[in-house]
PDB file of N, CA and C in Angstrom:
ATOM      1  N   MET A   1       0.805  -1.195   0.000  1.00  0.00           N
ATOM      2  CA  MET A   1       0.000   0.000   0.000  1.00  0.00           C
ATOM      3  C   MET A   1       0.846   1.257   0.000  1.00  0.00           C
ATOM      4  N   SER A   2       2.051   1.158   0.518  1.00  0.00           N
ATOM      5  CA  SER A   2       2.876   2.355   0.588  1.00  0.00           C
ATOM      6  C   SER A   2       3.275   2.852  -0.795  1.00  0.00           C
ATOM      7  N   GLN A   3       3.235   2.011  -1.765  1.00  0.00           N
ATOM      8  CA  GLN A   3       3.593   2.453  -3.113  1.00  0.00           C
ATOM      9  C   GLN A   3       2.542   3.386  -3.704  1.00  0.00           C
ATOM     10  N   PHE A   4       1.347   3.381  -3.157  1.00  0.00           N
ATOM     11  CA  PHE A   4       0.286   4.271  -3.614  1.00  0.00           C
ATOM     12  C   PHE A   4       0.127   5.489  -2.710  1.00  0.00           C
ATOM     13  N   GLY A   5       1.005   5.629  -1.723  1.00  0.00           N
ATOM     14  CA  GLY A   5       0.928   6.765  -0.816  1.00  0.00           C
ATOM     15  C   GLY A   5      -0.090   6.588   0.289  1.00  0.00           C
ATOM     16  N   MET A   6      -0.559   5.385   0.507  1.00  0.00           N
ATOM     17  CA  MET A   6      -1.549   5.142   1.555  1.00  0.00           C
ATOM     18  C   MET A   6      -0.823   4.741   2.837  1.00  0.00           C
ATOM     19  N   GLN A   7      -1.386   5.167   3.955  1.00  0.00           N
ATOM     20  CA  GLN A   7      -0.803   4.813   5.233  1.00  0.00           C
ATOM     21  C   GLN A   7      -1.853   4.107   6.063  1.00  0.00           C
ATOM     22  N   LEU A   8      -1.413   3.118   6.796  1.00  0.00           N
ATOM     23  CA  LEU A   8      -2.327   2.401   7.665  1.00  0.00           C
ATOM     24  C   LEU A   8      -2.563   3.199   8.931  1.00  0.00           C
ATOM     25  N   PRO A   9      -3.778   3.187   9.458  1.00  0.00           N
ATOM     26  CA  PRO A   9      -4.037   3.914  10.709  1.00  0.00           C
ATOM     27  C   PRO A   9      -3.266   3.276  11.860  1.00  0.00           C
ATOM     28  N   GLY A  10      -2.739   4.107  12.716  1.00  0.00           N
ATOM     29  CA  GLY A  10      -1.987   3.607  13.861  1.00  0.00           C
ATOM     30  C   GLY A  10      -0.587   3.161  13.513  1.00  0.00           C
ATOM     31  N   GLY A  11      -0.093   3.531  12.371  1.00  0.00           N
ATOM     32  CA  GLY A  11       1.237   3.100  11.960  1.00  0.00           C
ATOM     33  C   GLY A  11       2.350   3.752  12.750  1.00  0.00           C
ATOM     34  N   GLN A  12       2.093   4.940  13.287  1.00  0.00           N
ATOM     35  CA  GLN A  12       3.126   5.632  14.054  1.00  0.00           C
ATOM     36  C   GLN A  12       2.997   5.402  15.550  1.00  0.00           C
ATOM     37  N   ALA A  13       2.050   4.601  15.959  1.00  0.00           N
ATOM     38  CA  ALA A  13       1.853   4.368  17.394  1.00  0.00           C
ATOM     39  C   ALA A  13       3.043   3.644  18.008  1.00  0.00           C
ATOM     40  N   GLY A  14       3.746   2.831  17.213  1.00  0.00           N
ATOM     41  CA  GLY A  14       4.877   2.089  17.737  1.00  0.00           C
ATOM     42  C   GLY A  14       6.151   2.903  17.841  1.00  0.00           C
ATOM     43  N   ARG A  15       6.208   4.041  17.189  1.00  0.00           N
ATOM     44  CA  ARG A  15       7.417   4.866  17.236  1.00  0.00           C
ATOM     45  C   ARG A  15       7.466   5.643  18.533  1.00  0.00           C
ATOM     46  N   ARG A  16       8.630   5.685  19.115  1.00  0.00           N
ATOM     47  CA  ARG A  16       8.822   6.455  20.343  1.00  0.00           C
ATOM     48  C   ARG A  16       9.606   7.716  20.006  1.00  0.00           C
ATOM     49  N   ALA A  17       9.420   8.725  20.819  1.00  0.00           N
ATOM     50  CA  ALA A  17      10.168   9.966  20.644  1.00  0.00           C
ATOM     51  C   ALA A  17      11.629   9.705  20.994  1.00  0.00           C
ATOM     52  N   SER A  18      12.509  10.207  20.177  1.00  0.00           N
ATOM     53  CA  SER A  18      13.932  10.036  20.436  1.00  0.00           C
ATOM     54  C   SER A  18      14.586  11.398  20.574  1.00  0.00           C
ATOM     55  N   MET A  19      15.708  11.406  21.248  1.00  0.00           N
ATOM     56  CA  MET A  19      16.430  12.653  21.458  1.00  0.00           C
ATOM     57  C   MET A  19      17.132  13.039  20.165  1.00  0.00           C
ATOM     58  N   ASN A  20      16.927  14.274  19.736  1.00  0.00           N
ATOM     59  CA  ASN A  20      17.597  14.753  18.534  1.00  0.00           C
ATOM     60  C   ASN A  20      18.525  15.905  18.898  1.00  0.00           C
ATOM     61  N   VAL A  21      19.059  16.573  17.912  1.00  0.00           N
ATOM     62  CA  VAL A  21      20.028  17.648  18.136  1.00  0.00           C
ATOM     63  C   VAL A  21      19.397  18.800  18.911  1.00  0.00           C
ATOM     64  N   PHE A  22      18.162  19.121  18.598  1.00  0.00           N
ATOM     65  CA  PHE A  22      17.521  20.261  19.243  1.00  0.00           C
ATOM     66  C   PHE A  22      17.228  19.991  20.712  1.00  0.00           C
ATOM     67  N   THR A  23      16.895  18.763  21.043  1.00  0.00           N
ATOM     68  CA  THR A  23      16.686  18.411  22.446  1.00  0.00           C
ATOM     69  C   THR A  23      18.006  18.488  23.206  1.00  0.00           C
ATOM     70  N   GLY A  24      19.076  18.048  22.595  1.00  0.00           N
ATOM     71  CA  GLY A  24      20.395  18.152  23.216  1.00  0.00           C
ATOM     72  C   GLY A  24      20.809  19.591  23.424  1.00  0.00           C
ATOM     73  N   LEU A  25      20.531  20.442  22.440  1.00  0.00           N
ATOM     74  CA  LEU A  25      20.845  21.867  22.579  1.00  0.00           C
ATOM     75  C   LEU A  25      19.999  22.526  23.658  1.00  0.00           C
ATOM     76  N   LEU A  26      18.767  22.077  23.798  1.00  0.00           N
ATOM     77  CA  LEU A  26      17.907  22.608  24.853  1.00  0.00           C
ATOM     78  C   LEU A  26      18.471  22.278  26.226  1.00  0.00           C
ATOM     79  N   PHE A  27      18.907  21.047  26.422  1.00  0.00           N
ATOM     80  CA  PHE A  27      19.503  20.673  27.707  1.00  0.00           C
ATOM     81  C   PHE A  27      20.827  21.402  27.945  1.00  0.00           C
ATOM     82  N   LEU A  28      21.597  21.619  26.899  1.00  0.00           N
ATOM     83  CA  LEU A  28      22.836  22.377  27.032  1.00  0.00           C
ATOM     84  C   LEU A  28      22.553  23.830  27.419  1.00  0.00           C
ATOM     85  N   ALA A  29      21.545  24.423  26.811  1.00  0.00           N
ATOM     86  CA  ALA A  29      21.174  25.799  27.155  1.00  0.00           C
ATOM     87  C   ALA A  29      20.664  25.883  28.593  1.00  0.00           C
ATOM     88  N   LEU A  30      19.919  24.885  29.029  1.00  0.00           N
ATOM     89  CA  LEU A  30      19.429  24.866  30.403  1.00  0.00           C
ATOM     90  C   LEU A  30      20.585  24.758  31.398  1.00  0.00           C
ATOM     91  N   ALA A  31      21.553  23.911  31.104  1.00  0.00           N
ATOM     92  CA  ALA A  31      22.721  23.775  31.984  1.00  0.00           C
ATOM     93  C   ALA A  31      23.525  25.073  32.033  1.00  0.00           C
ATOM     94  N   ALA A  32      23.670  25.742  30.886  1.00  0.00           N
ATOM     95  CA  ALA A  32      24.399  27.015  30.852  1.00  0.00           C
ATOM     96  C   ALA A  32      23.655  28.093  31.628  1.00  0.00           C
ATOM     97  N   MET A  33      22.327  28.087  31.556  1.00  0.00           N
ATOM     98  CA  MET A  33      21.539  29.078  32.283  1.00  0.00           C
ATOM     99  C   MET A  33      21.638  28.869  33.790  1.00  0.00           C
ATOM    100  N   ILE A  34      21.621  27.604  34.210  1.00  0.00           N
ATOM    101  CA  ILE A  34      21.764  27.310  35.639  1.00  0.00           C
ATOM    102  C   ILE A  34      23.149  27.707  36.131  1.00  0.00           C
ATOM    103  N   ALA A  35      24.184  27.403  35.348  1.00  0.00           N
ATOM    104  CA  ALA A  35      25.552  27.773  35.730  1.00  0.00           C
ATOM    105  C   ALA A  35      25.710  29.288  35.801  1.00  0.00           C
ATOM    106  N   ALA A  36      25.135  30.012  34.850  1.00  0.00           N
ATOM    107  CA  ALA A  36      25.223  31.477  34.863  1.00  0.00           C
ATOM    108  C   ALA A  36      24.487  32.059  36.059  1.00  0.00           C
ATOM    109  N   SER A  37      23.364  31.468  36.436  1.00  0.00           N
ATOM    110  CA  SER A  37      22.624  31.947  37.605  1.00  0.00           C
ATOM    111  C   SER A  37      23.419  31.743  38.885  1.00  0.00           C
ATOM    112  N   ILE A  38      24.095  30.611  38.985  1.00  0.00           N
ATOM    113  CA  ILE A  38      24.913  30.347  40.174  1.00  0.00           C
ATOM    114  C   ILE A  38      26.081  31.313  40.255  1.00  0.00           C
ATOM    115  N   VAL A  39      26.727  31.564  39.134  1.00  0.00           N
ATOM    116  CA  VAL A  39      27.858  32.509  39.111  1.00  0.00           C
ATOM    117  C   VAL A  39      27.389  33.912  39.470  1.00  0.00           C
ATOM    118  N   ALA A  40      26.255  34.342  38.926  1.00  0.00           N
ATOM    119  CA  ALA A  40      25.732  35.676  39.223  1.00  0.00           C
ATOM    120  C   ALA A  40      25.331  35.800  40.690  1.00  0.00           C
ATOM    121  N   TYR A  41      24.745  34.751  41.250  1.00  0.00           N
ATOM    122  CA  TYR A  41      24.361  34.771  42.661  1.00  0.00           C
ATOM    123  C   TYR A  41      25.584  34.899  43.566  1.00  0.00           C
ATOM    124  N   ARG A  42      26.616  34.103  43.251  1.00  0.00           N
ATOM    125  CA  ARG A  42      27.827  34.157  44.084  1.00  0.00           C
ATOM    126  C   ARG A  42      28.540  35.498  43.961  1.00  0.00           C
ATOM    127  N   ALA A  43      28.532  36.084  42.767  1.00  0.00           N
ATOM    128  CA  ALA A  43      29.161  37.403  42.589  1.00  0.00           C
ATOM    129  C   ALA A  43      28.376  38.479  43.333  1.00  0.00           C
ATOM    130  N   ALA A  44      27.058  38.396  43.299  1.00  0.00           N
ATOM    131  CA  ALA A  44      26.242  39.379  44.016  1.00  0.00           C
ATOM    132  C   ALA A  44      26.388  39.213  45.525  1.00  0.00           C
ATOM    133  N   ALA A  45      26.535  37.979  45.984  1.00  0.00           N
ATOM    134  CA  ALA A  45      26.703  37.743  47.415  1.00  0.00           C
ATOM    135  C   ALA A  45      28.050  38.255  47.908  1.00  0.00           C
ATOM    136  N   SER A  46      29.041  38.257  47.046  1.00  0.00           N
ATOM    137  CA  SER A  46      30.368  38.705  47.487  1.00  0.00           C
ATOM    138  C   SER A  46      30.456  40.219  47.631  1.00  0.00           C
ATOM    139  N   VAL A  47      29.631  40.978  46.940  1.00  0.00           N
ATOM    140  CA  VAL A  47      29.714  42.440  47.030  1.00  0.00           C
ATOM    141  C   VAL A  47      28.575  43.045  47.844  1.00  0.00           C
ATOM    142  N   SER A  48      27.631  42.261  48.303  1.00  0.00           N
ATOM    143  CA  SER A  48      26.489  42.802  49.039  1.00  0.00           C
ATOM    144  C   SER A  48      26.775  42.820  50.534  1.00  0.00           C
ATOM    145  N   PRO A  49      26.079  43.678  51.248  1.00  0.00           N
ATOM    146  CA  PRO A  49      26.267  43.700  52.700  1.00  0.00           C
ATOM    147  C   PRO A  49      25.694  42.441  53.334  1.00  0.00           C
ATOM    148  N   ASP A  50      26.380  41.903  54.298  1.00  0.00           N
ATOM    149  CA  ASP A  50      25.981  40.704  55.039  1.00  0.00           C
ATOM    150  C   ASP A  50      25.917  39.453  54.172  1.00  0.00           C
ATOM    151  N   GLY A  51      26.419  39.479  52.960  1.00  0.00           N
ATOM    152  CA  GLY A  51      26.425  38.317  52.094  1.00  0.00           C
ATOM    153  C   GLY A  51      25.065  37.931  51.547  1.00  0.00           C
ATOM    154  N   LYS A  52      24.113  38.841  51.614  1.00  0.00           N
ATOM    155  CA  LYS A  52      22.766  38.578  51.103  1.00  0.00           C
ATOM    156  C   LYS A  52      22.584  39.359  49.795  1.00  0.00           C
ATOM    157  N   PRO A  53      22.547  38.689  48.672  1.00  0.00           N
ATOM    158  CA  PRO A  53      22.502  39.399  47.395  1.00  0.00           C
ATOM    159  C   PRO A  53      21.195  40.133  47.125  1.00  0.00           C
ATOM    160  N   TRP A  54      20.138  39.862  47.888  1.00  0.00           N
ATOM    161  CA  TRP A  54      18.870  40.534  47.635  1.00  0.00           C
ATOM    162  C   TRP A  54      18.729  41.832  48.430  1.00  0.00           C
ATOM    163  N   THR A  55      19.704  42.149  49.309  1.00  0.00           N
ATOM    164  CA  THR A  55      19.658  43.416  50.039  1.00  0.00           C
ATOM    165  C   THR A  55      20.395  44.488  49.240  1.00  0.00           C
ATOM    166  N   LEU A  56      19.968  45.714  49.432  1.00  0.00           N
ATOM    167  CA  LEU A  56      20.562  46.837  48.711  1.00  0.00           C
ATOM    168  C   LEU A  56      21.668  47.470  49.532  1.00  0.00           C
ATOM    169  N   GLN A  57      22.635  48.024  48.847  1.00  0.00           N
ATOM    170  CA  GLN A  57      23.693  48.757  49.531  1.00  0.00           C
ATOM    171  C   GLN A  57      23.202  50.158  49.853  1.00  0.00           C
ATOM    172  N   GLN A  58      23.690  50.693  50.953  1.00  0.00           N
ATOM    173  CA  GLN A  58      23.312  52.047  51.343  1.00  0.00           C
ATOM    174  C   GLN A  58      24.103  53.055  50.513  1.00  0.00           C
ATOM    175  N   PRO A  59      23.478  54.158  50.135  1.00  0.00           N
ATOM    176  CA  PRO A  59      24.210  55.183  49.370  1.00  0.00           C
ATOM    177  C   PRO A  59      25.374  55.724  50.186  1.00  0.00           C
ATOM    178  N   GLY A  60      26.514  55.869  49.551  1.00  0.00           N
ATOM    179  CA  GLY A  60      27.708  56.397  50.207  1.00  0.00           C
ATOM    180  C   GLY A  60      28.467  55.380  51.019  1.00  0.00           C
ATOM    181  N   SER A  61      28.063  54.140  51.009  1.00  0.00           N
ATOM    182  CA  SER A  61      28.760  53.123  51.808  1.00  0.00           C
ATOM    183  C   SER A  61      30.013  52.609  51.124  1.00  0.00           C
ATOM    184  N   ILE A  62      30.167  52.882  49.839  1.00  0.00           N
ATOM    185  CA  ILE A  62      31.328  52.429  49.094  1.00  0.00           C
ATOM    186  C   ILE A  62      32.351  53.563  49.048  1.00  0.00           C
ATOM    187  N   THR A  63      33.562  53.286  49.511  1.00  0.00           N
ATOM    188  CA  THR A  63      34.620  54.282  49.437  1.00  0.00           C
ATOM    189  C   THR A  63      35.636  53.821  48.409  1.00  0.00           C
ATOM    190  N   LEU A  64      35.988  54.701  47.537  1.00  0.00           N
ATOM    191  CA  LEU A  64      36.971  54.388  46.498  1.00  0.00           C
ATOM    192  C   LEU A  64      38.361  54.658  47.026  1.00  0.00           C
ATOM    193  N   PRO A  65      39.348  53.863  46.660  1.00  0.00           N
ATOM    194  CA  PRO A  65      40.718  54.063  47.162  1.00  0.00           C
ATOM    195  C   PRO A  65      41.379  55.276  46.531  1.00  0.00           C
TER     196      PRO A  65
END
């Protein structure tokens, strides 16, 4: 039947989804985003008062050498 372009119903039910290049790139982008978030959090914690990156610095608290 395939020679006439006909397809049997349910023919794709046996196929499973497989990982392709785009799925791999999606996981790579997710890993890079998580790594960037961790780096940004640690950098913000190192310059913030009390080591809490969500607190704001007070105006004039930074003295330049």
